[in-house]
Protein backbone atom coordinates (compact mmCIF):
# COMPACT_ATOMS: atom_id res chain seq x y z
CA MET A 1 111.50 94.26 111.32
CA GLU A 2 110.20 96.06 114.26
CA ARG A 3 107.84 94.52 116.87
CA THR A 4 105.00 96.63 118.66
CA ALA A 5 102.02 95.97 121.01
CA VAL A 6 99.17 94.43 119.27
CA GLY A 7 96.74 97.05 117.55
CA GLU A 8 96.73 99.15 114.30
CA ILE A 9 97.55 102.29 116.19
CA ASN A 10 100.51 100.75 117.64
CA VAL A 11 101.91 99.54 114.47
CA VAL A 12 101.01 103.13 112.94
CA LYS A 13 102.76 104.81 115.86
CA LYS A 14 105.90 102.79 115.24
CA MET A 15 105.96 103.30 111.51
CA LEU A 16 105.91 106.88 112.06
CA GLU A 17 108.66 106.77 114.62
CA ILE A 18 110.96 104.94 112.49
CA GLY A 19 110.03 106.42 109.18
CA SER A 20 108.62 102.96 107.81
CA GLU A 21 106.66 102.88 104.72
CA LEU A 22 104.97 99.33 105.20
CA GLY A 23 103.50 97.82 108.72
CA GLY A 24 101.39 94.60 109.12
CA GLU A 25 99.59 92.54 111.50
CA GLY A 26 99.13 88.99 111.71
CA ASN A 27 95.84 89.06 110.57
CA GLY A 28 96.90 90.05 107.09
CA GLY A 29 95.93 93.57 107.19
CA VAL A 30 98.68 95.63 105.90
CA ILE A 31 99.46 99.61 106.37
CA LEU A 32 101.03 101.11 103.37
CA LYS A 33 102.01 104.75 104.24
CA GLU A 34 101.67 105.82 100.52
CA ALA A 35 98.17 104.71 100.39
CA HIS A 36 96.97 105.58 104.03
CA LEU A 37 97.74 104.88 107.62
CA GLY A 38 95.17 102.36 108.37
CA ARG A 39 95.23 98.57 108.02
CA ASP A 40 93.72 97.59 104.78
CA SER A 41 93.59 93.87 103.58
CA LEU A 42 92.93 95.28 99.88
CA VAL A 43 96.27 97.06 100.06
CA GLY A 44 98.04 93.57 100.54
CA VAL A 45 95.75 92.13 97.83
CA ALA A 46 96.83 94.82 95.26
CA MET A 47 100.50 94.57 96.20
CA VAL A 48 100.58 90.66 95.60
CA LEU A 49 98.50 91.17 92.20
CA ASN A 50 101.16 94.04 91.48
CA ARG A 51 103.95 91.63 91.97
CA MET A 52 102.23 88.73 89.85
CA SER A 53 101.97 91.20 86.98
CA GLN A 54 105.34 92.69 87.18
CA GLU A 55 107.04 89.39 87.49
CA LYS A 56 104.64 87.21 85.48
CA ILE A 57 104.48 84.59 88.00
CA PRO A 58 101.70 82.86 89.34
CA ILE A 59 100.56 83.09 93.12
CA SER A 60 102.04 79.66 93.70
CA LYS A 61 105.33 80.62 93.15
CA ILE A 62 104.89 83.78 95.33
CA HIS A 63 103.85 81.75 98.06
CA GLU A 64 106.67 79.01 97.62
CA SER A 65 109.32 81.85 97.92
CA LEU A 66 107.97 83.02 101.40
CA PRO A 67 108.81 81.63 104.96
CA GLN A 68 105.91 79.78 106.24
CA PHE A 69 104.44 80.81 109.73
CA HIS A 70 101.63 79.26 111.62
CA ILE A 71 99.51 81.01 114.11
CA ILE A 72 97.86 78.99 116.77
CA LYS A 73 94.72 80.59 118.47
CA ASP A 74 92.76 79.00 121.37
CA LYS A 75 90.29 79.99 123.81
CA ILE A 76 90.35 79.43 127.62
CA ASP A 77 86.86 78.96 129.41
CA LEU A 78 87.56 81.11 132.46
CA ASP A 79 84.34 80.01 133.87
CA LYS A 80 86.15 76.61 134.77
CA VAL A 81 89.30 78.21 136.44
CA ASP A 82 89.46 77.96 140.03
CA LYS A 83 89.03 81.67 141.24
CA ASP A 84 90.61 80.98 144.86
C-alpha cells in the first residue's frame, strides 16, 4: 500500500508513478486503471458484485473477511478560537 496526499489527482499521479492498477480514497471512491483514471464509486460496486458472483457468496461474507477501519470526522468552529 502506498499513501499520497489527499485528492484524486494525487492518487492518480502515484498510481502512474508506481504502475498501480488500483487506487482509492477514504470516501469509497475507487480508481481502476482498466476502467479509467478517475475516482468512481460504481467501479467499486461492480468489483464487489463481480466477487459475489464469482465466489457465489453474499456481501456479508465479504464484509466479514475485510479488516474493519473507522473514520472519525469532526468540525472545529474557528470563530470561537482565540486569534491572538
